[in-house]
Amino acid sequence: MAIGLYTSRIVLAQLGIEDYGIYNVVGGVVMMFAFLNSSMASSTQRFLTIELGRGNEEKLNRTFNTSLHIHILIAVVVAVVTEVGGLWFMNHKMQIPPERLDAAYWVFQFSILSMIISFLNVPYTAVIIAYERMSAFAYISIFEVLLKLGIAFLLVVAPFDKLKLFAVLMFLSPLIIRIIYGIYCHRHFAAVKLRRMFDKVLFKEMSVFAGWSLWGQLASICSTQGINIILNVFFGPVVNAARGVAVQVQAAVGQFSMNFQTAINPQITKSYAAEDYATMHSLIFRSAKFTFFLLYALALPILFEAPFVLGLWLEEVPAHTVQFLRIILWITIIDSVANPLMVAAAATGRIKKYQSVVGGLLIAILPVAYVALKLGAPPEAVFVVHLIICIIAFVARLYIVKPLTMLSPSVFFKNVVVSCIAAGLLALVLPLLLYIFLPDTAYGAFAVMAAAVVSVCGCAYSVGLSGNEKSFVRQLLSRIFRLKHD
């Protein structure tokens, strides 16, 4: 997180607000066409994990090779569609200064190449996650952020157009990571054995699952990159830069929950495959609750001292960034707590109703936000709309998952929601008092942020966790300290 945020600071300073906004929105146009891959990625992850849970190595290899062929096909189709549709949209609908149009084309083309590489990487990362080799996942992720830090430093000394150079280097980064993932998987997993095979039955099963995931992924893209594009249409690239900065912080904070849940998601799927529903429910509760407290401990200091944090981090803070950031952090927390419910639904393979309802709610964000802006609302309104619909979708998820996994909404509400709200409200008291009474200085800001972290940790342990969860935390900390001592 620290490296990622520092990298963003350098990139924004070197590109400038306008070029940073152009990169953010043009790259967003390309990502609008990547939802096909996202839906197939969830399908690949689910089928690989199920077969691993069943111990079927032959079927696991068949699944890997089938998914790799599918991703190659998707990459070709999406590249062609993006070249046609994306270029038309960029030329006729987006606000890009004429003198930067050539650089925007560079960003567009290399963003497409980066997207293709990410498509081909999905089966390999899915195998690593299915086998729960989180150390490899962590080391490669750390190398990736160091690579991006190196890219940022190259911008400092670059003697030519920095936006064009950034576009090229941001393509080379995923290419290198793709090669590393490929080498690791081929050396460590028997399932990753390339064979010229294509299982038509498996292709149909994965495609049906991916088809329903497609709707959910389209909704997710509309609620993120779609919002980015309408902000450009109404307000121009400067507001895109503000959103880009806010999303950088949100992504850094959210990475903690993503990595935590990446480790626990395969266990939820494997518990379902073994028909161990009690373990599955326990994992869902822990994943949701620990995710909330982990994100809350990171987000609360920023929520209180967002202007100070952004001013410390960036040389120039774009207008609207503070308001964007505060709302986006709450959206991230709610979505992350709901994610274990999505994983549970995916494990069953019966996602038609889930994706139809939740996807329908999320896709409504874009038209509602557009109407709000058309009526003269400020740019912050789009994120308020997103937050409200996000809460509604959370409740909907609970009732949709109930018949699929026999998980009672009232039990989830009691075990997770009530505990999180009680501990969360109690954790506000100490930092809020310090925020009100301490002077508006750097020392005061650091005191408020430190108090926020300590308060969340203390309230989470004393009020938010059950007896079994406290025991789990104590055992985990004891094991960590013992390893360090040894």
Protein backbone atom coordinates (compact mmCIF):
# COMPACT_ATOMS: atom_id res chain seq x y z
CA MET A 1 0.00 0.00 0.00
CA ALA A 2 2.79 2.40 0.95
CA ILE A 3 4.69 1.80 -2.29
CA GLY A 4 1.52 2.07 -4.36
CA LEU A 5 0.55 5.40 -2.82
CA TYR A 6 4.05 6.81 -3.19
CA THR A 7 4.10 5.66 -6.82
CA SER A 8 0.81 7.46 -7.47
CA ARG A 9 2.25 10.64 -5.97
CA ILE A 10 5.22 10.55 -8.38
CA VAL A 11 3.07 9.69 -11.39
CA LEU A 12 0.58 12.50 -10.71
CA ALA A 13 3.40 15.00 -10.16
CA GLN A 14 5.17 13.99 -13.38
CA LEU A 15 2.12 13.71 -15.64
CA GLY A 16 0.21 16.68 -14.25
CA ILE A 17 -3.49 16.72 -13.40
CA GLU A 18 -4.72 16.93 -17.01
CA ASP A 19 -2.56 14.10 -18.41
CA TYR A 20 -3.28 11.97 -15.33
CA GLY A 21 -7.00 12.49 -15.93
CA ILE A 22 -6.59 11.57 -19.62
CA TYR A 23 -4.80 8.33 -18.71
CA ASN A 24 -7.47 7.52 -16.14
CA VAL A 25 -10.45 8.06 -18.42
CA VAL A 26 -8.97 6.61 -21.65
CA GLY A 27 -7.81 3.52 -19.78
CA GLY A 28 -11.32 3.40 -18.33
CA VAL A 29 -12.82 3.23 -21.80
CA VAL A 30 -10.71 0.16 -22.53
CA MET A 31 -11.73 -1.42 -19.23
CA MET A 32 -15.36 -0.92 -20.20
CA PHE A 33 -14.79 -3.66 -22.79
CA ALA A 34 -13.01 -6.00 -20.35
CA PHE A 35 -16.11 -7.23 -18.53
CA LEU A 36 -16.18 -10.37 -20.72
CA ASN A 37 -12.88 -11.44 -19.20
CA SER A 38 -13.97 -10.59 -15.66
CA SER A 39 -17.00 -12.86 -15.91
CA MET A 40 -14.89 -15.70 -17.31
CA ALA A 41 -12.31 -15.18 -14.55
CA SER A 42 -14.90 -15.84 -11.84
CA SER A 43 -16.01 -18.94 -13.74
CA THR A 44 -12.43 -20.21 -14.04
CA GLN A 45 -11.75 -19.63 -10.34
CA ARG A 46 -14.91 -21.44 -9.29
CA PHE A 47 -14.44 -24.54 -11.49
CA LEU A 48 -10.74 -24.94 -10.64
CA THR A 49 -11.42 -24.68 -6.91
CA ILE A 50 -14.34 -27.13 -7.05
CA GLU A 51 -12.25 -29.75 -8.87
CA LEU A 52 -9.35 -29.26 -6.48
CA GLY A 53 -11.76 -29.69 -3.56
CA ARG A 54 -12.92 -32.97 -5.11
CA GLY A 55 -9.32 -34.09 -5.69
CA ASN A 56 -9.78 -34.69 -9.42
CA GLU A 57 -6.36 -33.89 -10.99
CA GLU A 58 -7.34 -34.97 -14.51
CA LYS A 59 -10.46 -32.79 -14.49
CA LEU A 60 -8.41 -29.96 -13.00
CA ASN A 61 -5.96 -30.08 -15.92
CA ARG A 62 -8.84 -30.29 -18.38
CA THR A 63 -10.43 -27.25 -16.74
CA PHE A 64 -7.18 -25.25 -16.89
CA ASN A 65 -6.60 -25.94 -20.59
CA THR A 66 -10.21 -25.27 -21.52
CA SER A 67 -10.19 -21.96 -19.63
CA LEU A 68 -6.90 -20.93 -21.28
CA HIS A 69 -8.35 -21.52 -24.75
CA ILE A 70 -11.47 -19.57 -23.80
CA HIS A 71 -9.42 -16.63 -22.55
CA ILE A 72 -7.38 -16.53 -25.76
CA LEU A 73 -10.63 -16.40 -27.75
CA ILE A 74 -12.05 -13.67 -25.51
CA ALA A 75 -8.84 -11.63 -25.80
CA VAL A 76 -9.06 -11.62 -29.60
CA VAL A 77 -12.78 -10.73 -29.65
CA VAL A 78 -12.48 -7.97 -27.05
CA ALA A 79 -9.43 -6.45 -28.77
CA VAL A 80 -11.33 -6.16 -32.07
CA VAL A 81 -14.47 -4.75 -30.42
CA THR A 82 -12.45 -2.26 -28.37
CA GLU A 83 -10.55 -1.02 -31.40
CA VAL A 84 -13.81 -0.25 -33.19
CA GLY A 85 -16.16 0.89 -30.41
CA GLY A 86 -13.57 2.44 -28.11
CA LEU A 87 -11.93 4.58 -30.78
CA TRP A 88 -15.31 5.86 -31.96
CA PHE A 89 -16.29 6.82 -28.41
CA MET A 90 -12.96 8.51 -27.74
CA ASN A 91 -13.13 10.53 -30.97
CA HIS A 92 -16.77 11.61 -30.75
CA LYS A 93 -17.86 11.71 -27.10
CA MET A 94 -14.91 12.39 -24.80
CA GLN A 95 -13.42 15.73 -23.78
CA ILE A 96 -9.70 15.53 -24.61
CA PRO A 97 -7.65 18.63 -25.43
CA PRO A 98 -6.68 18.54 -29.17
CA GLU A 99 -2.98 18.94 -28.43
CA ARG A 100 -3.04 15.77 -26.24
CA LEU A 101 -5.07 13.62 -28.63
CA ASP A 102 -1.98 11.90 -30.06
CA ALA A 103 -0.81 10.91 -26.57
CA ALA A 104 -4.34 9.70 -25.76
CA TYR A 105 -4.13 7.34 -28.76
CA TRP A 106 -0.91 5.88 -27.34
CA VAL A 107 -2.66 5.32 -24.00
CA PHE A 108 -5.59 3.68 -25.77
CA GLN A 109 -3.53 1.22 -27.83
CA PHE A 110 -1.19 0.16 -25.04
CA SER A 111 -4.14 -0.17 -22.64
CA ILE A 112 -5.62 -2.69 -25.08
CA LEU A 113 -2.36 -4.66 -25.13
CA SER A 114 -2.23 -4.59 -21.32
CA MET A 115 -5.81 -5.85 -21.19
CA ILE A 116 -4.96 -8.77 -23.49
CA ILE A 117 -2.05 -9.76 -21.24
CA SER A 118 -4.31 -9.63 -18.17
CA PHE A 119 -6.80 -11.91 -19.94
CA LEU A 120 -4.15 -14.56 -20.57
CA ASN A 121 -2.94 -14.35 -16.96
CA VAL A 122 -6.28 -15.31 -15.39
CA PRO A 123 -6.01 -19.14 -15.54
CA TYR A 124 -2.54 -18.99 -13.92
CA THR A 125 -3.54 -16.74 -11.02
CA ALA A 126 -6.69 -18.85 -10.56
CA VAL A 127 -4.56 -21.99 -10.13
CA ILE A 128 -2.32 -20.31 -7.53
CA ILE A 129 -5.36 -19.15 -5.55
CA ALA A 130 -7.10 -22.54 -5.84
CA TYR A 131 -4.00 -24.25 -4.41
CA GLU A 132 -3.82 -21.49 -1.75
CA ARG A 133 -0.16 -20.70 -2.48
CA MET A 134 -0.54 -17.26 -0.96
CA SER A 135 3.19 -16.76 -0.39
CA ALA A 136 3.82 -16.87 -4.15
CA PHE A 137 0.84 -14.60 -4.72
CA ALA A 138 2.23 -12.14 -2.16
CA TYR A 139 5.83 -12.12 -3.43
CA ILE A 140 4.77 -11.61 -7.04
CA SER A 141 2.38 -8.83 -5.99
CA ILE A 142 5.17 -7.09 -4.08
CA PHE A 143 7.45 -7.37 -7.11
CA GLU A 144 4.66 -5.90 -9.26
CA VAL A 145 4.33 -2.76 -7.11
CA LEU A 146 8.13 -2.36 -7.06
CA LEU A 147 8.06 -2.61 -10.85
CA LYS A 148 5.50 0.18 -10.99
CA LEU A 149 7.63 2.26 -8.61
CA GLY A 150 10.51 1.85 -11.06
CA ILE A 151 8.21 3.03 -13.85
CA ALA A 152 7.37 6.14 -11.83
CA PHE A 153 11.07 6.98 -11.35
CA LEU A 154 11.69 6.56 -15.10
CA LEU A 155 9.10 9.27 -15.69
CA VAL A 156 11.18 11.65 -13.59
CA VAL A 157 14.20 11.37 -15.91
CA ALA A 158 12.31 10.88 -19.20
CA PRO A 159 13.37 13.46 -21.82
CA PHE A 160 10.25 12.98 -23.99
CA ASP A 161 6.44 12.83 -23.70
CA LYS A 162 5.79 11.36 -20.26
CA LEU A 163 2.22 10.23 -20.95
CA LYS A 164 3.31 8.18 -23.99
CA LEU A 165 6.18 6.65 -22.04
CA PHE A 166 3.89 5.83 -19.12
CA ALA A 167 1.47 4.04 -21.47
CA VAL A 168 4.29 1.87 -22.90
CA LEU A 169 5.78 1.02 -19.51
CA MET A 170 2.38 0.17 -18.03
CA PHE A 171 2.07 -2.44 -20.80
CA LEU A 172 5.50 -3.94 -20.09
CA SER A 173 4.70 -4.35 -16.39
CA PRO A 174 1.82 -6.88 -16.77
CA LEU A 175 3.79 -8.63 -19.54
CA ILE A 176 6.66 -9.32 -17.14
CA ILE A 177 4.25 -10.43 -14.40
CA ARG A 178 2.49 -12.77 -16.86
CA ILE A 179 5.82 -14.44 -17.66
CA ILE A 180 6.63 -14.88 -13.95
CA TYR A 181 3.22 -16.41 -13.18
CA GLY A 182 3.59 -18.79 -16.13
CA ILE A 183 7.05 -20.00 -15.05
CA TYR A 184 5.95 -20.49 -11.43
CA CYS A 185 2.81 -22.43 -12.30
CA HIS A 186 4.51 -24.73 -14.81
CA ARG A 187 7.19 -25.59 -12.25
CA HIS A 188 4.92 -26.20 -9.24
CA PHE A 189 1.55 -27.54 -10.41
CA ALA A 190 0.92 -30.73 -12.36
CA ALA A 191 -2.47 -29.32 -13.38
CA VAL A 192 -0.73 -26.58 -15.39
CA LYS A 193 0.33 -28.85 -18.22
CA LEU A 194 -0.43 -27.36 -21.61
CA ARG A 195 -2.35 -29.75 -23.84
CA ARG A 196 -4.11 -29.25 -27.14
CA MET A 197 -7.54 -30.08 -25.80
CA PHE A 198 -10.92 -28.42 -25.64
CA ASP A 199 -13.67 -30.01 -23.54
CA LYS A 200 -16.96 -29.01 -25.18
CA VAL A 201 -19.11 -30.14 -22.21
CA LEU A 202 -16.93 -28.25 -19.75
CA PHE A 203 -16.89 -25.25 -22.09
CA LYS A 204 -20.69 -25.19 -22.02
CA GLU A 205 -20.81 -25.44 -18.20
CA MET A 206 -18.24 -22.69 -17.75
CA SER A 207 -19.91 -20.51 -20.37
CA VAL A 208 -23.34 -20.77 -18.72
CA PHE A 209 -21.83 -19.79 -15.37
CA ALA A 210 -19.81 -17.00 -17.03
CA GLY A 211 -22.89 -15.84 -18.92
CA TRP A 212 -24.69 -14.97 -15.71
CA SER A 213 -21.52 -13.55 -14.20
CA LEU A 214 -21.30 -11.39 -17.31
CA TRP A 215 -24.36 -9.43 -16.24
CA GLY A 216 -22.87 -8.80 -12.80
CA GLN A 217 -19.52 -7.76 -14.27
CA LEU A 218 -21.21 -5.43 -16.74
CA ALA A 219 -23.06 -3.84 -13.82
CA SER A 220 -19.78 -3.46 -11.91
CA ILE A 221 -18.07 -1.83 -14.91
CA CYS A 222 -20.98 0.58 -15.39
CA SER A 223 -20.86 1.57 -11.72
CA THR A 224 -17.11 2.30 -11.88
CA GLN A 225 -15.74 3.05 -15.34
CA GLY A 226 -19.17 4.18 -16.56
CA ILE A 227 -19.25 6.76 -13.79
CA ASN A 228 -15.73 7.83 -14.77
CA ILE A 229 -16.84 8.43 -18.35
CA ILE A 230 -19.96 10.47 -17.52
CA LEU A 231 -17.85 12.59 -15.17
CA ASN A 232 -15.61 13.30 -18.16
CA VAL A 233 -18.60 14.15 -20.36
CA PHE A 234 -20.02 16.60 -17.79
CA PHE A 235 -16.88 18.02 -16.15
CA GLY A 236 -13.75 17.14 -18.20
CA PRO A 237 -10.44 15.42 -17.33
CA VAL A 238 -9.69 17.47 -14.18
CA VAL A 239 -12.58 15.80 -12.33
CA ASN A 240 -11.40 12.43 -13.73
CA ALA A 241 -8.06 13.15 -12.08
CA ALA A 242 -9.83 13.76 -8.75
CA ARG A 243 -11.65 10.45 -9.08
CA GLY A 244 -8.41 8.75 -10.14
CA VAL A 245 -6.61 9.95 -7.00
CA ALA A 246 -9.51 8.89 -4.76
CA VAL A 247 -9.62 5.47 -6.42
CA GLN A 248 -5.85 5.06 -5.92
CA VAL A 249 -6.28 5.47 -2.15
CA GLN A 250 -9.39 3.27 -2.18
CA ALA A 251 -7.53 0.56 -4.12
CA ALA A 252 -4.60 0.66 -1.72
CA VAL A 253 -6.90 0.30 1.31
CA GLY A 254 -9.11 -2.26 -0.41
CA GLN A 255 -6.09 -4.38 -1.36
CA PHE A 256 -5.85 -5.52 2.26
CA SER A 257 -9.34 -6.98 2.25
CA MET A 258 -8.88 -8.35 -1.26
CA ASN A 259 -5.76 -10.27 -0.27
CA PHE A 260 -7.35 -11.50 2.95
CA GLN A 261 -10.43 -12.70 1.11
CA THR A 262 -8.33 -14.19 -1.70
CA ALA A 263 -6.90 -16.52 0.94
CA ILE A 264 -10.25 -17.47 2.47
CA ASN A 265 -12.47 -17.67 -0.65
CA PRO A 266 -11.16 -21.08 -1.82
CA GLN A 267 -11.95 -22.49 1.63
CA ILE A 268 -15.57 -21.31 1.34
CA THR A 269 -15.87 -22.99 -2.07
CA LYS A 270 -14.19 -26.21 -0.91
CA SER A 271 -16.47 -26.36 2.17
CA TYR A 272 -19.48 -26.19 -0.13
CA ALA A 273 -18.02 -28.88 -2.40
CA ALA A 274 -17.61 -31.12 0.70
CA GLU A 275 -21.20 -30.23 1.81
CA ASP A 276 -19.81 -28.90 5.11
CA TYR A 277 -22.29 -26.05 5.53
CA ALA A 278 -21.45 -25.31 9.17
CA THR A 279 -17.81 -24.60 8.26
CA MET A 280 -18.93 -22.63 5.22
CA HIS A 281 -21.18 -20.37 7.32
CA SER A 282 -18.44 -19.87 9.90
CA LEU A 283 -15.98 -18.86 7.17
CA ILE A 284 -18.51 -16.42 5.69
CA PHE A 285 -19.05 -14.77 9.10
CA ARG A 286 -15.34 -14.49 9.82
CA SER A 287 -14.49 -13.23 6.34
CA ALA A 288 -17.16 -10.53 6.47
CA LYS A 289 -16.44 -9.43 10.02
CA PHE A 290 -12.64 -9.44 9.84
CA THR A 291 -12.84 -7.62 6.51
CA PHE A 292 -14.96 -4.87 8.04
CA PHE A 293 -12.61 -4.29 10.98
CA LEU A 294 -9.50 -4.48 8.80
CA LEU A 295 -10.85 -1.90 6.35
CA TYR A 296 -12.38 0.26 9.10
CA ALA A 297 -9.04 0.47 10.92
CA LEU A 298 -7.40 1.67 7.69
CA ALA A 299 -10.24 3.87 6.47
CA LEU A 300 -11.29 5.68 9.67
CA PRO A 301 -8.06 7.71 10.00
CA ILE A 302 -8.44 8.77 6.36
CA LEU A 303 -12.12 9.61 6.81
CA PHE A 304 -11.23 11.98 9.65
CA GLU A 305 -8.08 13.51 8.17
CA ALA A 306 -8.56 13.17 4.39
CA PRO A 307 -7.40 16.75 3.58
CA PHE A 308 -4.25 16.32 5.67
CA VAL A 309 -3.44 12.86 4.23
CA LEU A 310 -3.94 13.99 0.63
CA GLY A 311 -1.94 17.16 1.21
CA LEU A 312 0.90 15.14 2.73
CA TRP A 313 0.80 12.63 -0.12
CA LEU A 314 0.37 14.86 -3.20
CA GLU A 315 2.03 18.04 -4.33
CA GLU A 316 -1.30 19.24 -5.79
CA VAL A 317 -4.68 17.84 -4.73
CA PRO A 318 -7.37 18.06 -7.47
CA ALA A 319 -10.67 19.68 -6.49
CA HIS A 320 -13.41 17.29 -5.22
CA THR A 321 -10.85 14.62 -4.24
CA VAL A 322 -11.57 14.77 -0.49
CA GLN A 323 -15.33 14.34 -0.93
CA PHE A 324 -14.89 11.59 -3.53
CA LEU A 325 -12.49 9.71 -1.29
CA ARG A 326 -14.70 9.74 1.81
CA ILE A 327 -17.73 8.37 -0.05
CA ILE A 328 -15.74 5.80 -2.04
CA LEU A 329 -14.20 4.38 1.14
CA TRP A 330 -17.66 3.63 2.54
CA ILE A 331 -18.66 1.98 -0.73
CA THR A 332 -15.53 -0.17 -0.54
CA ILE A 333 -16.25 -1.26 3.02
CA ILE A 334 -19.84 -2.29 2.25
CA ASP A 335 -18.93 -4.12 -0.96
CA SER A 336 -16.05 -5.95 0.72
CA VAL A 337 -18.24 -7.14 3.61
CA ALA A 338 -20.77 -8.42 1.05
CA ASN A 339 -18.13 -10.25 -1.01
CA PRO A 340 -18.24 -13.53 0.99
CA LEU A 341 -21.94 -13.78 0.10
CA MET A 342 -21.05 -13.52 -3.59
CA VAL A 343 -18.37 -16.21 -3.18
CA ALA A 344 -20.90 -18.49 -1.46
CA ALA A 345 -23.41 -17.99 -4.27
CA ALA A 346 -20.73 -18.69 -6.89
CA ALA A 347 -19.70 -21.89 -5.10
CA THR A 348 -23.19 -23.33 -5.65
CA GLY A 349 -23.04 -22.63 -9.39
CA ARG A 350 -26.65 -21.35 -9.25
CA ILE A 351 -26.10 -17.67 -9.80
CA LYS A 352 -28.92 -16.77 -12.20
CA LYS A 353 -31.13 -15.06 -9.61
CA TYR A 354 -28.19 -13.56 -7.72
CA GLN A 355 -26.65 -11.92 -10.79
CA SER A 356 -30.02 -10.85 -12.20
CA VAL A 357 -31.12 -9.00 -9.08
CA VAL A 358 -27.82 -7.64 -7.76
CA GLY A 359 -26.57 -6.83 -11.28
CA GLY A 360 -29.84 -5.07 -12.05
CA LEU A 361 -29.46 -2.90 -8.95
CA LEU A 362 -25.82 -2.02 -9.66
CA ILE A 363 -26.39 -1.24 -13.32
CA ALA A 364 -29.05 1.28 -12.24
CA ILE A 365 -26.27 3.41 -10.72
CA LEU A 366 -25.23 4.76 -14.12
CA PRO A 367 -28.62 6.05 -15.38
CA VAL A 368 -29.60 7.42 -11.96
CA ALA A 369 -26.25 9.22 -11.65
CA TYR A 370 -26.62 10.56 -15.20
CA VAL A 371 -30.08 11.97 -14.41
CA ALA A 372 -28.71 13.56 -11.23
CA LEU A 373 -25.92 15.31 -13.15
CA LYS A 374 -28.34 16.33 -15.90
CA LEU A 375 -30.48 18.03 -13.24
CA GLY A 376 -27.47 20.06 -12.12
CA ALA A 377 -26.12 17.98 -9.24
CA PRO A 378 -22.41 18.34 -8.30
CA PRO A 379 -19.97 15.54 -9.22
CA GLU A 380 -20.16 14.10 -5.68
CA ALA A 381 -23.77 13.10 -6.38
CA VAL A 382 -22.73 10.12 -8.53
CA PHE A 383 -20.93 8.55 -5.57
CA VAL A 384 -23.83 9.23 -3.21
CA VAL A 385 -26.10 7.39 -5.66
CA HIS A 386 -23.58 4.53 -5.76
CA LEU A 387 -23.47 4.32 -1.96
CA ILE A 388 -27.27 4.20 -1.55
CA ILE A 389 -27.73 1.49 -4.18
CA CYS A 390 -24.76 -0.39 -2.72
CA ILE A 391 -26.58 -0.65 0.64
CA ILE A 392 -29.78 -1.86 -1.06
CA ALA A 393 -27.80 -4.49 -2.99
CA PHE A 394 -26.19 -5.71 0.25
CA VAL A 395 -29.61 -6.48 1.76
CA ALA A 396 -30.74 -8.15 -1.48
CA ARG A 397 -27.68 -10.43 -1.44
CA LEU A 398 -28.58 -11.75 2.01
CA TYR A 399 -32.03 -12.92 0.95
CA ILE A 400 -30.90 -14.34 -2.40
CA VAL A 401 -28.10 -16.42 -0.82
CA LYS A 402 -30.41 -17.90 1.86
CA PRO A 403 -31.98 -20.73 -0.23
CA LEU A 404 -28.68 -21.46 -1.99
CA THR A 405 -26.53 -22.00 1.09
CA MET A 406 -29.06 -22.32 3.94
CA LEU A 407 -27.59 -19.16 5.47
CA SER A 408 -30.19 -17.28 7.51
CA PRO A 409 -30.20 -13.49 6.94
CA SER A 410 -31.16 -12.93 10.58
CA VAL A 411 -28.20 -15.03 11.78
CA PHE A 412 -25.83 -13.11 9.46
CA PHE A 413 -27.31 -9.83 10.65
CA LYS A 414 -26.87 -10.81 14.30
CA ASN A 415 -23.39 -12.30 13.94
CA VAL A 416 -21.91 -9.75 11.54
CA VAL A 417 -23.91 -6.55 10.97
CA VAL A 418 -24.92 -5.82 14.58
CA SER A 419 -21.41 -6.56 15.89
CA CYS A 420 -19.77 -4.38 13.23
CA ILE A 421 -22.13 -1.43 13.77
CA ALA A 422 -21.81 -1.59 17.58
CA ALA A 423 -18.01 -1.77 17.54
CA GLY A 424 -17.80 0.77 14.70
CA LEU A 425 -19.86 3.40 16.51
CA LEU A 426 -17.99 2.89 19.78
CA ALA A 427 -14.67 3.24 17.95
CA LEU A 428 -15.71 6.71 16.74
CA VAL A 429 -15.80 8.25 20.23
CA LEU A 430 -12.09 8.70 21.02
CA PRO A 431 -10.88 9.97 17.62
CA LEU A 432 -13.95 12.22 17.32
CA LEU A 433 -13.21 13.90 20.66
CA LEU A 434 -9.59 14.43 19.67
CA TYR A 435 -10.65 15.75 16.25
CA ILE A 436 -12.91 18.33 17.92
CA PHE A 437 -10.60 19.50 20.70
CA LEU A 438 -7.05 19.16 19.33
CA PRO A 439 -5.57 22.03 17.27
CA ASP A 440 -5.62 21.75 13.48
CA THR A 441 -1.93 20.91 13.15
CA ALA A 442 0.13 18.00 11.83
CA TYR A 443 0.59 16.69 15.39
CA GLY A 444 -3.15 16.87 15.98
CA ALA A 445 -3.86 15.02 12.74
CA PHE A 446 -1.40 12.24 13.56
CA ALA A 447 -2.90 11.93 17.06
CA VAL A 448 -6.41 11.59 15.63
CA MET A 449 -5.31 8.96 13.10
CA ALA A 450 -3.38 6.95 15.69
CA ALA A 451 -6.33 7.10 18.08
CA ALA A 452 -8.64 5.92 15.28
CA VAL A 453 -6.54 2.81 14.59
CA VAL A 454 -6.13 1.93 18.28
CA SER A 455 -9.82 2.56 18.98
CA VAL A 456 -10.97 0.32 16.10
CA CYS A 457 -8.65 -2.50 17.14
CA GLY A 458 -9.71 -2.29 20.78
CA CYS A 459 -13.44 -2.05 20.08
CA ALA A 460 -13.28 -4.78 17.44
CA TYR A 461 -11.70 -7.21 19.89
CA SER A 462 -13.76 -6.30 22.95
CA VAL A 463 -17.18 -5.74 21.34
CA GLY A 464 -17.10 -6.98 17.75
CA LEU A 465 -15.68 -10.50 18.03
CA SER A 466 -17.32 -13.60 19.48
CA GLY A 467 -15.55 -15.86 21.97
CA ASN A 468 -14.40 -18.27 19.26
CA GLU A 469 -13.17 -15.41 17.09
CA LYS A 470 -11.19 -13.91 19.97
CA SER A 471 -9.59 -17.30 20.56
CA PHE A 472 -8.74 -17.51 16.86
CA VAL A 473 -7.08 -14.07 16.95
CA ARG A 474 -5.08 -14.96 20.08
CA GLN A 475 -3.84 -18.19 18.52
CA LEU A 476 -2.91 -16.38 15.32
CA LEU A 477 -0.96 -13.66 17.15
CA SER A 478 0.73 -16.27 19.35
CA ARG A 479 1.84 -18.22 16.27
CA ILE A 480 3.18 -15.05 14.60
CA PHE A 481 5.16 -13.99 17.68
CA ARG A 482 6.50 -17.52 18.13
CA LEU A 483 7.71 -17.60 14.51
CA LYS A 484 9.41 -14.23 14.93
CA HIS A 485 11.05 -15.40 18.16
CA ASP A 486 12.27 -18.63 16.56
